[in-house]
Amino acid sequence: MEATLALTLLTVGMLCLTGAFSQILKSNATVRQKQIAAFLASSKLAELCSSPLSEISQIKGVFDEPFVLYSWQVRFEYRSDNEEIADVWLEVIHKSGTSVKFWTQMMVDNAR
C-alpha cells in the first residue's frame, strides 16, 4: 500500500514537471524569436534611415535566408506639427505570429 502511494505521488510529480518543462521550452522558443526579430528590426530600421524617405519603395517584405520565416512592414506618417519629420513604425513578424515593433522619426527631405 505504501509503495503504491509513493509510486502514485512520484508519477503525479513527474507529470507536473513534464508540463512545466514543455512550457519552459515553448517560452524559450518565443524569446529566441523575439530576439531575432529585434535584431532584424534594428537592421532594417538602420537601412531605412540611411536613405531618404522619398527613395523608399517597399513598405513590406520578407527577409533573405536564413531568416525567411520573418517578414517586415513599415508605415510612415507625416507630422502635422513639423513637416520636415515623419514618424516611422516598423514591425517584424515571425511566421508563428511573434512580432516586434519599433518606432523612430526621420527627416522627410521633400518626400511629400
PDB file of N, CA and C in Angstrom:
ATOM      1  N   MET A   1       0.819  -1.189   0.000  1.00  0.00           N
ATOM      2  CA  MET A   1       0.000   0.000   0.000  1.00  0.00           C
ATOM      3  C   MET A   1       0.873   1.266   0.000  1.00  0.00           C
ATOM      4  N   GLU A   2       1.907   1.293   0.830  1.00  0.00           N
ATOM      5  CA  GLU A   2       2.800   2.456   0.891  1.00  0.00           C
ATOM      6  C   GLU A   2       3.565   2.617  -0.412  1.00  0.00           C
ATOM      7  N   ALA A   3       3.968   1.524  -1.004  1.00  0.00           N
ATOM      8  CA  ALA A   3       4.705   1.585  -2.271  1.00  0.00           C
ATOM      9  C   ALA A   3       3.803   2.125  -3.382  1.00  0.00           C
ATOM     10  N   THR A   4       2.544   1.716  -3.394  1.00  0.00           N
ATOM     11  CA  THR A   4       1.600   2.197  -4.397  1.00  0.00           C
ATOM     12  C   THR A   4       1.372   3.699  -4.238  1.00  0.00           C
ATOM     13  N   LEU A   5       1.228   4.155  -3.010  1.00  0.00           N
ATOM     14  CA  LEU A   5       1.034   5.580  -2.742  1.00  0.00           C
ATOM     15  C   LEU A   5       2.272   6.376  -3.160  1.00  0.00           C
ATOM     16  N   ALA A   6       3.448   5.856  -2.825  1.00  0.00           N
ATOM     17  CA  ALA A   6       4.693   6.543  -3.193  1.00  0.00           C
ATOM     18  C   ALA A   6       4.841   6.604  -4.712  1.00  0.00           C
ATOM     19  N   LEU A   7       4.526   5.515  -5.405  1.00  0.00           N
ATOM     20  CA  LEU A   7       4.608   5.484  -6.861  1.00  0.00           C
ATOM     21  C   LEU A   7       3.602   6.440  -7.497  1.00  0.00           C
ATOM     22  N   THR A   8       2.410   6.546  -6.940  1.00  0.00           N
ATOM     23  CA  THR A   8       1.392   7.474  -7.435  1.00  0.00           C
ATOM     24  C   THR A   8       1.861   8.916  -7.275  1.00  0.00           C
ATOM     25  N   LEU A   9       2.393   9.247  -6.105  1.00  0.00           N
ATOM     26  CA  LEU A   9       2.899  10.605  -5.876  1.00  0.00           C
ATOM     27  C   LEU A   9       4.068  10.923  -6.802  1.00  0.00           C
ATOM     28  N   LEU A  10       4.943   9.960  -7.014  1.00  0.00           N
ATOM     29  CA  LEU A  10       6.076  10.157  -7.909  1.00  0.00           C
ATOM     30  C   LEU A  10       5.595  10.390  -9.346  1.00  0.00           C
ATOM     31  N   THR A  11       4.596   9.639  -9.764  1.00  0.00           N
ATOM     32  CA  THR A  11       4.048   9.782 -11.110  1.00  0.00           C
ATOM     33  C   THR A  11       3.402  11.153 -11.297  1.00  0.00           C
ATOM     34  N   VAL A  12       2.623  11.583 -10.336  1.00  0.00           N
ATOM     35  CA  VAL A  12       1.984  12.901 -10.414  1.00  0.00           C
ATOM     36  C   VAL A  12       3.048  14.000 -10.453  1.00  0.00           C
ATOM     37  N   GLY A  13       4.062  13.862  -9.627  1.00  0.00           N
ATOM     38  CA  GLY A  13       5.155  14.841  -9.613  1.00  0.00           C
ATOM     39  C   GLY A  13       5.881  14.903 -10.950  1.00  0.00           C
ATOM     40  N   MET A  14       6.140  13.761 -11.554  1.00  0.00           N
ATOM     41  CA  MET A  14       6.828  13.712 -12.847  1.00  0.00           C
ATOM     42  C   MET A  14       5.961  14.332 -13.952  1.00  0.00           C
ATOM     43  N   LEU A  15       4.662  14.089 -13.908  1.00  0.00           N
ATOM     44  CA  LEU A  15       3.763  14.685 -14.900  1.00  0.00           C
ATOM     45  C   LEU A  15       3.744  16.208 -14.788  1.00  0.00           C
ATOM     46  N   CYS A  16       3.750  16.706 -13.562  1.00  0.00           N
ATOM     47  CA  CYS A  16       3.792  18.166 -13.355  1.00  0.00           C
ATOM     48  C   CYS A  16       5.098  18.748 -13.888  1.00  0.00           C
ATOM     49  N   LEU A  17       6.202  18.067 -13.635  1.00  0.00           N
ATOM     50  CA  LEU A  17       7.495  18.541 -14.127  1.00  0.00           C
ATOM     51  C   LEU A  17       7.560  18.500 -15.650  1.00  0.00           C
ATOM     52  N   THR A  18       6.972  17.486 -16.255  1.00  0.00           N
ATOM     53  CA  THR A  18       6.959  17.392 -17.707  1.00  0.00           C
ATOM     54  C   THR A  18       6.170  18.552 -18.313  1.00  0.00           C
ATOM     55  N   GLY A  19       5.033  18.882 -17.736  1.00  0.00           N
ATOM     56  CA  GLY A  19       4.241  20.016 -18.214  1.00  0.00           C
ATOM     57  C   GLY A  19       4.994  21.325 -18.066  1.00  0.00           C
ATOM     58  N   ALA A  20       5.655  21.504 -16.926  1.00  0.00           N
ATOM     59  CA  ALA A  20       6.431  22.724 -16.708  1.00  0.00           C
ATOM     60  C   ALA A  20       7.600  22.806 -17.683  1.00  0.00           C
ATOM     61  N   PHE A  21       8.257  21.696 -17.937  1.00  0.00           N
ATOM     62  CA  PHE A  21       9.389  21.674 -18.850  1.00  0.00           C
ATOM     63  C   PHE A  21       8.961  22.025 -20.270  1.00  0.00           C
ATOM     64  N   SER A  22       7.826  21.500 -20.725  1.00  0.00           N
ATOM     65  CA  SER A  22       7.370  21.829 -22.075  1.00  0.00           C
ATOM     66  C   SER A  22       6.989  23.305 -22.182  1.00  0.00           C
ATOM     67  N   GLN A  23       6.436  23.874 -21.121  1.00  0.00           N
ATOM     68  CA  GLN A  23       6.104  25.303 -21.113  1.00  0.00           C
ATOM     69  C   GLN A  23       7.374  26.152 -21.154  1.00  0.00           C
ATOM     70  N   ILE A  24       8.399  25.720 -20.463  1.00  0.00           N
ATOM     71  CA  ILE A  24       9.685  26.430 -20.481  1.00  0.00           C
ATOM     72  C   ILE A  24      10.281  26.397 -21.880  1.00  0.00           C
ATOM     73  N   LEU A  25      10.217  25.249 -22.545  1.00  0.00           N
ATOM     74  CA  LEU A  25      10.745  25.148 -23.909  1.00  0.00           C
ATOM     75  C   LEU A  25       9.980  26.059 -24.868  1.00  0.00           C
ATOM     76  N   LYS A  26       8.671  26.130 -24.720  1.00  0.00           N
ATOM     77  CA  LYS A  26       7.847  26.992 -25.573  1.00  0.00           C
ATOM     78  C   LYS A  26       8.189  28.466 -25.337  1.00  0.00           C
ATOM     79  N   SER A  27       8.333  28.845 -24.079  1.00  0.00           N
ATOM     80  CA  SER A  27       8.692  30.234 -23.757  1.00  0.00           C
ATOM     81  C   SER A  27      10.076  30.572 -24.279  1.00  0.00           C
ATOM     82  N   ASN A  28      10.989  29.628 -24.188  1.00  0.00           N
ATOM     83  CA  ASN A  28      12.350  29.830 -24.681  1.00  0.00           C
ATOM     84  C   ASN A  28      12.347  30.067 -26.186  1.00  0.00           C
ATOM     85  N   ALA A  29      11.537  29.319 -26.919  1.00  0.00           N
ATOM     86  CA  ALA A  29      11.448  29.498 -28.372  1.00  0.00           C
ATOM     87  C   ALA A  29      10.870  30.872 -28.709  1.00  0.00           C
ATOM     88  N   THR A  30       9.865  31.315 -27.964  1.00  0.00           N
ATOM     89  CA  THR A  30       9.264  32.631 -28.200  1.00  0.00           C
ATOM     90  C   THR A  30      10.269  33.745 -27.947  1.00  0.00           C
ATOM     91  N   VAL A  31      11.036  33.622 -26.866  1.00  0.00           N
ATOM     92  CA  VAL A  31      12.051  34.632 -26.555  1.00  0.00           C
ATOM     93  C   VAL A  31      13.100  34.676 -27.657  1.00  0.00           C
ATOM     94  N   ARG A  32      13.511  33.532 -28.139  1.00  0.00           N
ATOM     95  CA  ARG A  32      14.507  33.484 -29.227  1.00  0.00           C
ATOM     96  C   ARG A  32      13.952  34.148 -30.492  1.00  0.00           C
ATOM     97  N   GLN A  33      12.698  33.881 -30.821  1.00  0.00           N
ATOM     98  CA  GLN A  33      12.081  34.512 -31.991  1.00  0.00           C
ATOM     99  C   GLN A  33      12.031  36.024 -31.832  1.00  0.00           C
ATOM    100  N   LYS A  34      11.713  36.504 -30.634  1.00  0.00           N
ATOM    101  CA  LYS A  34      11.665  37.955 -30.390  1.00  0.00           C
ATOM    102  C   LYS A  34      13.059  38.578 -30.464  1.00  0.00           C
ATOM    103  N   GLN A  35      14.077  37.870 -29.986  1.00  0.00           N
ATOM    104  CA  GLN A  35      15.444  38.386 -30.075  1.00  0.00           C
ATOM    105  C   GLN A  35      15.882  38.526 -31.525  1.00  0.00           C
ATOM    106  N   ILE A  36      15.613  37.514 -32.327  1.00  0.00           N
ATOM    107  CA  ILE A  36      15.967  37.572 -33.745  1.00  0.00           C
ATOM    108  C   ILE A  36      15.172  38.670 -34.437  1.00  0.00           C
ATOM    109  N   ALA A  37      13.887  38.782 -34.121  1.00  0.00           N
ATOM    110  CA  ALA A  37      13.045  39.824 -34.718  1.00  0.00           C
ATOM    111  C   ALA A  37      13.552  41.219 -34.350  1.00  0.00           C
ATOM    112  N   ALA A  38      13.991  41.397 -33.115  1.00  0.00           N
ATOM    113  CA  ALA A  38      14.524  42.699 -32.691  1.00  0.00           C
ATOM    114  C   ALA A  38      15.812  43.030 -33.442  1.00  0.00           C
ATOM    115  N   PHE A  39      16.663  42.037 -33.631  1.00  0.00           N
ATOM    116  CA  PHE A  39      17.896  42.246 -34.398  1.00  0.00           C
ATOM    117  C   PHE A  39      17.570  42.627 -35.838  1.00  0.00           C
ATOM    118  N   LEU A  40      16.649  41.884 -36.454  1.00  0.00           N
ATOM    119  CA  LEU A  40      16.268  42.163 -37.835  1.00  0.00           C
ATOM    120  C   LEU A  40      15.604  43.538 -37.957  1.00  0.00           C
ATOM    121  N   ALA A  41      14.791  43.898 -36.973  1.00  0.00           N
ATOM    122  CA  ALA A  41      14.119  45.200 -36.992  1.00  0.00           C
ATOM    123  C   ALA A  41      15.123  46.337 -36.889  1.00  0.00           C
ATOM    124  N   SER A  42      16.097  46.202 -36.016  1.00  0.00           N
ATOM    125  CA  SER A  42      17.086  47.279 -35.886  1.00  0.00           C
ATOM    126  C   SER A  42      17.930  47.389 -37.153  1.00  0.00           C
ATOM    127  N   SER A  43      18.233  46.258 -37.792  1.00  0.00           N
ATOM    128  CA  SER A  43      18.985  46.292 -39.057  1.00  0.00           C
ATOM    129  C   SER A  43      18.168  46.951 -40.159  1.00  0.00           C
ATOM    130  N   LYS A  44      16.892  46.578 -40.280  1.00  0.00           N
ATOM    131  CA  LYS A  44      16.023  47.150 -41.315  1.00  0.00           C
ATOM    132  C   LYS A  44      15.794  48.638 -41.063  1.00  0.00           C
ATOM    133  N   LEU A  45      15.638  49.019 -39.798  1.00  0.00           N
ATOM    134  CA  LEU A  45      15.435  50.430 -39.472  1.00  0.00           C
ATOM    135  C   LEU A  45      16.675  51.250 -39.817  1.00  0.00           C
ATOM    136  N   ALA A  46      17.851  50.713 -39.552  1.00  0.00           N
ATOM    137  CA  ALA A  46      19.084  51.405 -39.931  1.00  0.00           C
ATOM    138  C   ALA A  46      19.170  51.552 -41.446  1.00  0.00           C
ATOM    139  N   GLU A  47      18.743  50.511 -42.157  1.00  0.00           N
ATOM    140  CA  GLU A  47      18.728  50.564 -43.624  1.00  0.00           C
ATOM    141  C   GLU A  47      17.750  51.630 -44.114  1.00  0.00           C
ATOM    142  N   LEU A  48      16.571  51.688 -43.517  1.00  0.00           N
ATOM    143  CA  LEU A  48      15.576  52.689 -43.909  1.00  0.00           C
ATOM    144  C   LEU A  48      16.054  54.102 -43.606  1.00  0.00           C
ATOM    145  N   CYS A  49      16.670  54.284 -42.456  1.00  0.00           N
ATOM    146  CA  CYS A  49      17.110  55.622 -42.048  1.00  0.00           C
ATOM    147  C   CYS A  49      18.318  56.104 -42.843  1.00  0.00           C
ATOM    148  N   SER A  50      19.039  55.205 -43.494  1.00  0.00           N
ATOM    149  CA  SER A  50      20.219  55.617 -44.253  1.00  0.00           C
ATOM    150  C   SER A  50      19.869  56.148 -45.641  1.00  0.00           C
ATOM    151  N   SER A  51      18.625  55.973 -46.068  1.00  0.00           N
ATOM    152  CA  SER A  51      18.229  56.502 -47.368  1.00  0.00           C
ATOM    153  C   SER A  51      17.107  57.524 -47.173  1.00  0.00           C
ATOM    154  N   PRO A  52      17.001  58.477 -48.097  1.00  0.00           N
ATOM    155  CA  PRO A  52      15.929  59.468 -47.978  1.00  0.00           C
ATOM    156  C   PRO A  52      14.557  58.802 -48.035  1.00  0.00           C
ATOM    157  N   LEU A  53      13.635  59.355 -47.326  1.00  0.00           N
ATOM    158  CA  LEU A  53      12.284  58.803 -47.249  1.00  0.00           C
ATOM    159  C   LEU A  53      11.633  58.705 -48.628  1.00  0.00           C
ATOM    160  N   SER A  54      11.927  59.635 -49.495  1.00  0.00           N
ATOM    161  CA  SER A  54      11.322  59.637 -50.831  1.00  0.00           C
ATOM    162  C   SER A  54      11.835  58.488 -51.705  1.00  0.00           C
ATOM    163  N   GLU A  55      12.973  57.886 -51.358  1.00  0.00           N
ATOM    164  CA  GLU A  55      13.541  56.803 -52.156  1.00  0.00           C
ATOM    165  C   GLU A  55      13.148  55.415 -51.656  1.00  0.00           C
ATOM    166  N   ILE A  56      12.379  55.339 -50.584  1.00  0.00           N
ATOM    167  CA  ILE A  56      11.964  54.038 -50.055  1.00  0.00           C
ATOM    168  C   ILE A  56      10.761  53.560 -50.854  1.00  0.00           C
ATOM    169  N   SER A  57      10.948  52.454 -51.566  1.00  0.00           N
ATOM    170  CA  SER A  57       9.899  51.982 -52.463  1.00  0.00           C
ATOM    171  C   SER A  57       9.059  50.858 -51.857  1.00  0.00           C
ATOM    172  N   GLN A  58       9.650  50.024 -51.041  1.00  0.00           N
ATOM    173  CA  GLN A  58       8.912  48.910 -50.449  1.00  0.00           C
ATOM    174  C   GLN A  58       8.411  49.285 -49.061  1.00  0.00           C
ATOM    175  N   ILE A  59       7.182  48.852 -48.749  1.00  0.00           N
ATOM    176  CA  ILE A  59       6.673  49.074 -47.408  1.00  0.00           C
ATOM    177  C   ILE A  59       6.485  47.760 -46.650  1.00  0.00           C
ATOM    178  N   LYS A  60       6.736  46.631 -47.354  1.00  0.00           N
ATOM    179  CA  LYS A  60       6.738  45.344 -46.670  1.00  0.00           C
ATOM    180  C   LYS A  60       7.547  44.354 -47.482  1.00  0.00           C
ATOM    181  N   GLY A  61       7.982  43.294 -46.810  1.00  0.00           N
ATOM    182  CA  GLY A  61       8.790  42.299 -47.497  1.00  0.00           C
ATOM    183  C   GLY A  61       9.141  41.150 -46.575  1.00  0.00           C
ATOM    184  N   VAL A  62       9.947  40.254 -47.103  1.00  0.00           N
ATOM    185  CA  VAL A  62      10.418  39.082 -46.361  1.00  0.00           C
ATOM    186  C   VAL A  62      11.938  39.149 -46.329  1.00  0.00           C
ATOM    187  N   PHE A  63      12.523  38.742 -45.219  1.00  0.00           N
ATOM    188  CA  PHE A  63      13.972  38.755 -45.099  1.00  0.00           C
ATOM    189  C   PHE A  63      14.578  37.594 -45.888  1.00  0.00           C
ATOM    190  N   ASP A  64      15.836  37.759 -46.271  1.00  0.00           N
ATOM    191  CA  ASP A  64      16.556  36.725 -47.006  1.00  0.00           C
ATOM    192  C   ASP A  64      16.964  35.588 -46.076  1.00  0.00           C
ATOM    193  N   GLU A  65      17.477  34.506 -46.688  1.00  0.00           N
ATOM    194  CA  GLU A  65      17.999  33.364 -45.924  1.00  0.00           C
ATOM    195  C   GLU A  65      19.008  33.867 -44.897  1.00  0.00           C
ATOM    196  N   PRO A  66      19.082  33.343 -43.752  1.00  0.00           N
ATOM    197  CA  PRO A  66      18.327  32.242 -43.149  1.00  0.00           C
ATOM    198  C   PRO A  66      17.103  32.707 -42.362  1.00  0.00           C
ATOM    199  N   PHE A  67      16.622  33.900 -42.653  1.00  0.00           N
ATOM    200  CA  PHE A  67      15.518  34.484 -41.872  1.00  0.00           C
ATOM    201  C   PHE A  67      14.218  34.561 -42.679  1.00  0.00           C
ATOM    202  N   VAL A  68      13.969  33.598 -43.549  1.00  0.00           N
ATOM    203  CA  VAL A  68      12.787  33.642 -44.413  1.00  0.00           C
ATOM    204  C   VAL A  68      11.484  33.463 -43.643  1.00  0.00           C
ATOM    205  N   LEU A  69      11.548  33.038 -42.394  1.00  0.00           N
ATOM    206  CA  LEU A  69      10.338  32.910 -41.576  1.00  0.00           C
ATOM    207  C   LEU A  69       9.893  34.257 -41.007  1.00  0.00           C
ATOM    208  N   TYR A  70      10.692  35.306 -41.255  1.00  0.00           N
ATOM    209  CA  TYR A  70      10.402  36.636 -40.737  1.00  0.00           C
ATOM    210  C   TYR A  70      10.033  37.578 -41.873  1.00  0.00           C
ATOM    211  N   SER A  71       8.958  38.330 -41.684  1.00  0.00           N
ATOM    212  CA  SER A  71       8.568  39.358 -42.653  1.00  0.00           C
ATOM    213  C   SER A  71       8.583  40.709 -41.950  1.00  0.00           C
ATOM    214  N   TRP A  72       8.538  41.769 -42.728  1.00  0.00           N
ATOM    215  CA  TRP A  72       8.545  43.117 -42.153  1.00  0.00           C
ATOM    216  C   TRP A  72       7.544  43.987 -42.894  1.00  0.00           C
ATOM    217  N   GLN A  73       7.076  44.994 -42.178  1.00  0.00           N
ATOM    218  CA  GLN A  73       6.233  46.019 -42.794  1.00  0.00           C
ATOM    219  C   GLN A  73       6.518  47.342 -42.103  1.00  0.00           C
ATOM    220  N   VAL A  74       6.471  48.402 -42.891  1.00  0.00           N
ATOM    221  CA  VAL A  74       6.785  49.728 -42.376  1.00  0.00           C
ATOM    222  C   VAL A  74       5.635  50.665 -42.724  1.00  0.00           C
ATOM    223  N   ARG A  75       5.417  51.623 -41.850  1.00  0.00           N
ATOM    224  CA  ARG A  75       4.364  52.626 -42.055  1.00  0.00           C
ATOM    225  C   ARG A  75       4.945  53.990 -41.735  1.00  0.00           C
ATOM    226  N   PHE A  76       4.685  54.942 -42.605  1.00  0.00           N
ATOM    227  CA  PHE A  76       5.148  56.318 -42.428  1.00  0.00           C
ATOM    228  C   PHE A  76       3.954  57.220 -42.176  1.00  0.00           C
ATOM    229  N   GLU A  77       4.147  58.182 -41.327  1.00  0.00           N
ATOM    230  CA  GLU A  77       3.098  59.174 -41.086  1.00  0.00           C
ATOM    231  C   GLU A  77       3.772  60.528 -40.920  1.00  0.00           C
ATOM    232  N   TYR A  78       3.355  61.457 -41.750  1.00  0.00           N
ATOM    233  CA  TYR A  78       3.943  62.793 -41.686  1.00  0.00           C
ATOM    234  C   TYR A  78       3.382  63.549 -40.495  1.00  0.00           C
ATOM    235  N   ARG A  79       4.229  64.263 -39.810  1.00  0.00           N
ATOM    236  CA  ARG A  79       3.818  65.004 -38.615  1.00  0.00           C
ATOM    237  C   ARG A  79       3.121  66.296 -39.011  1.00  0.00           C
ATOM    238  N   SER A  80       2.036  66.610 -38.331  1.00  0.00           N
ATOM    239  CA  SER A  80       1.311  67.843 -38.631  1.00  0.00           C
ATOM    240  C   SER A  80       1.998  69.061 -38.011  1.00  0.00           C
ATOM    241  N   ASP A  81       2.736  68.842 -36.934  1.00  0.00           N
ATOM    242  CA  ASP A  81       3.386  69.966 -36.259  1.00  0.00           C
ATOM    243  C   ASP A  81       4.745  70.312 -36.866  1.00  0.00           C
ATOM    244  N   ASN A  82       5.335  69.399 -37.632  1.00  0.00           N
ATOM    245  CA  ASN A  82       6.631  69.651 -38.248  1.00  0.00           C
ATOM    246  C   ASN A  82       6.702  68.848 -39.542  1.00  0.00           C
ATOM    247  N   GLU A  83       6.574  69.510 -40.678  1.00  0.00           N
ATOM    248  CA  GLU A  83       6.523  68.823 -41.964  1.00  0.00           C
ATOM    249  C   GLU A  83       7.866  68.268 -42.397  1.00  0.00           C
ATOM    250  N   GLU A  84       8.921  68.559 -41.672  1.00  0.00           N
ATOM    251  CA  GLU A  84      10.241  68.037 -42.023  1.00  0.00           C
ATOM    252  C   GLU A  84      10.534  66.702 -41.347  1.00  0.00           C
ATOM    253  N   ILE A  85       9.621  66.232 -40.512  1.00  0.00           N
ATOM    254  CA  ILE A  85       9.826  64.982 -39.769  1.00  0.00           C
ATOM    255  C   ILE A  85       8.654  64.043 -40.023  1.00  0.00           C
ATOM    256  N   ALA A  86       8.974  62.765 -40.201  1.00  0.00           N
ATOM    257  CA  ALA A  86       7.941  61.736 -40.346  1.00  0.00           C
ATOM    258  C   ALA A  86       8.137  60.685 -39.256  1.00  0.00           C
ATOM    259  N   ASP A  87       7.031  60.196 -38.708  1.00  0.00           N
ATOM    260  CA  ASP A  87       7.084  59.076 -37.776  1.00  0.00           C
ATOM    261  C   ASP A  87       7.156  57.790 -38.595  1.00  0.00           C
ATOM    262  N   VAL A  88       7.989  56.861 -38.147  1.00  0.00           N
ATOM    263  CA  VAL A  88       8.175  55.603 -38.859  1.00  0.00           C
ATOM    264  C   VAL A  88       7.942  54.452 -37.882  1.00  0.00           C
ATOM    265  N   TRP A  89       7.016  53.559 -38.254  1.00  0.00           N
ATOM    266  CA  TRP A  89       6.756  52.360 -37.458  1.00  0.00           C
ATOM    267  C   TRP A  89       7.188  51.155 -38.276  1.00  0.00           C
ATOM    268  N   LEU A  90       7.997  50.307 -37.675  1.00  0.00           N
ATOM    269  CA  LEU A  90       8.459  49.091 -38.341  1.00  0.00           C
ATOM    270  C   LEU A  90       8.079  47.894 -37.486  1.00  0.00           C
ATOM    271  N   GLU A  91       7.467  46.895 -38.105  1.00  0.00           N
ATOM    272  CA  GLU A  91       7.093  45.679 -37.399  1.00  0.00           C
ATOM    273  C   GLU A  91       7.733  44.494 -38.105  1.00  0.00           C
ATOM    274  N   VAL A  92       8.393  43.635 -37.327  1.00  0.00           N
ATOM    275  CA  VAL A  92       8.954  42.385 -37.840  1.00  0.00           C
ATOM    276  C   VAL A  92       8.141  41.256 -37.226  1.00  0.00           C
ATOM    277  N   ILE A  93       7.658  40.354 -38.093  1.00  0.00           N
ATOM    278  CA  ILE A  93       6.735  39.305 -37.660  1.00  0.00           C
ATOM    279  C   ILE A  93       7.296  37.937 -38.023  1.00  0.00           C
ATOM    280  N   HIS A  94       7.329  37.042 -37.041  1.00  0.00           N
ATOM    281  CA  HIS A  94       7.704  35.652 -37.291  1.00  0.00           C
ATOM    282  C   HIS A  94       6.483  34.905 -37.817  1.00  0.00           C
ATOM    283  N   LYS A  95       6.708  33.839 -38.538  1.00  0.00           N
ATOM    284  CA  LYS A  95       5.622  33.038 -39.112  1.00  0.00           C
ATOM    285  C   LYS A  95       4.639  32.566 -38.038  1.00  0.00           C
ATOM    286  N   SER A  96       5.115  32.354 -36.813  1.00  0.00           N
ATOM    287  CA  SER A  96       4.263  31.887 -35.716  1.00  0.00           C
ATOM    288  C   SER A  96       3.359  32.979 -35.155  1.00  0.00           C
ATOM    289  N   GLY A  97       3.604  34.245 -35.545  1.00  0.00           N
ATOM    290  CA  GLY A  97       2.805  35.348 -35.038  1.00  0.00           C
ATOM    291  C   GLY A  97       3.540  36.226 -34.041  1.00  0.00           C
ATOM    292  N   THR A  98       4.689  35.779 -33.569  1.00  0.00           N
ATOM    293  CA  THR A  98       5.508  36.585 -32.667  1.00  0.00           C
ATOM    294  C   THR A  98       6.009  37.801 -33.428  1.00  0.00           C
ATOM    295  N   SER A  99       5.884  38.987 -32.819  1.00  0.00           N
ATOM    296  CA  SER A  99       6.312  40.193 -33.531  1.00  0.00           C
ATOM    297  C   SER A  99       7.007  41.171 -32.607  1.00  0.00           C
ATOM    298  N   VAL A 100       7.747  42.080 -33.232  1.00  0.00           N
ATOM    299  CA  VAL A 100       8.445  43.162 -32.540  1.00  0.00           C
ATOM    300  C   VAL A 100       8.154  44.436 -33.317  1.00  0.00           C
ATOM    301  N   LYS A 101       7.833  45.521 -32.611  1.00  0.00           N
ATOM    302  CA  LYS A 101       7.538  46.797 -33.258  1.00  0.00           C
ATOM    303  C   LYS A 101       8.548  47.846 -32.799  1.00  0.00           C
ATOM    304  N   PHE A 102       9.053  48.616 -33.765  1.00  0.00           N
ATOM    305  CA  PHE A 102       9.975  49.712 -33.484  1.00  0.00           C
ATOM    306  C   PHE A 102       9.353  51.001 -34.017  1.00  0.00           C
ATOM    307  N   TRP A 103       9.710  52.103 -33.398  1.00  0.00           N
ATOM    308  CA  TRP A 103       9.265  53.421 -33.834  1.00  0.00           C
ATOM    309  C   TRP A 103      10.455  54.354 -33.826  1.00  0.00           C
ATOM    310  N   THR A 104      10.519  55.233 -34.811  1.00  0.00           N
ATOM    311  CA  THR A 104      11.538  56.268 -34.846  1.00  0.00           C
ATOM    312  C   THR A 104      11.013  57.441 -35.662  1.00  0.00           C
ATOM    313  N   GLN A 105      11.816  58.456 -35.783  1.00  0.00           N
ATOM    314  CA  GLN A 105      11.475  59.613 -36.598  1.00  0.00           C
ATOM    315  C   GLN A 105      12.562  59.804 -37.646  1.00  0.00           C
ATOM    316  N   MET A 106      12.151  60.265 -38.827  1.00  0.00           N
ATOM    317  CA  MET A 106      13.088  60.503 -39.919  1.00  0.00           C
ATOM    318  C   MET A 106      12.865  61.894 -40.486  1.00  0.00           C
ATOM    319  N   MET A 107      13.926  62.444 -41.009  1.00  0.00           N
ATOM    320  CA  MET A 107      13.814  63.702 -41.737  1.00  0.00           C
ATOM    321  C   MET A 107      13.159  63.407 -43.082  1.00  0.00           C
ATOM    322  N   VAL A 108      12.243  64.245 -43.515  1.00  0.00           N
ATOM    323  CA  VAL A 108      11.466  63.990 -44.716  1.00  0.00           C
ATOM    324  C   VAL A 108      12.263  64.275 -45.991  1.00  0.00           C
ATOM    325  N   ASP A 109      12.970  65.354 -46.072  1.00  0.00           N
ATOM    326  CA  ASP A 109      13.751  65.729 -47.276  1.00  0.00           C
ATOM    327  C   ASP A 109      12.881  65.781 -48.523  1.00  0.00           C
ATOM    328  N   ASN A 110      11.834  66.567 -48.486  1.00  0.00           N
ATOM    329  CA  ASN A 110      10.948  66.790 -49.644  1.00  0.00           C
ATOM    330  C   ASN A 110      10.294  65.516 -50.156  1.00  0.00           C
ATOM    331  N   ALA A 111       9.869  64.639 -49.272  1.00  0.00           N
ATOM    332  CA  ALA A 111       9.280  63.375 -49.689  1.00  0.00           C
ATOM    333  C   ALA A 111       7.806  63.493 -50.032  1.00  0.00           C
ATOM    334  N   ARG A 112       7.155  64.551 -49.658  1.00  0.00           N
ATOM    335  CA  ARG A 112       5.706  64.679 -49.886  1.00  0.00           C
ATOM    336  C   ARG A 112       5.354  64.750 -51.330  1.00  0.00           C
TER     337      ARG A 112
END
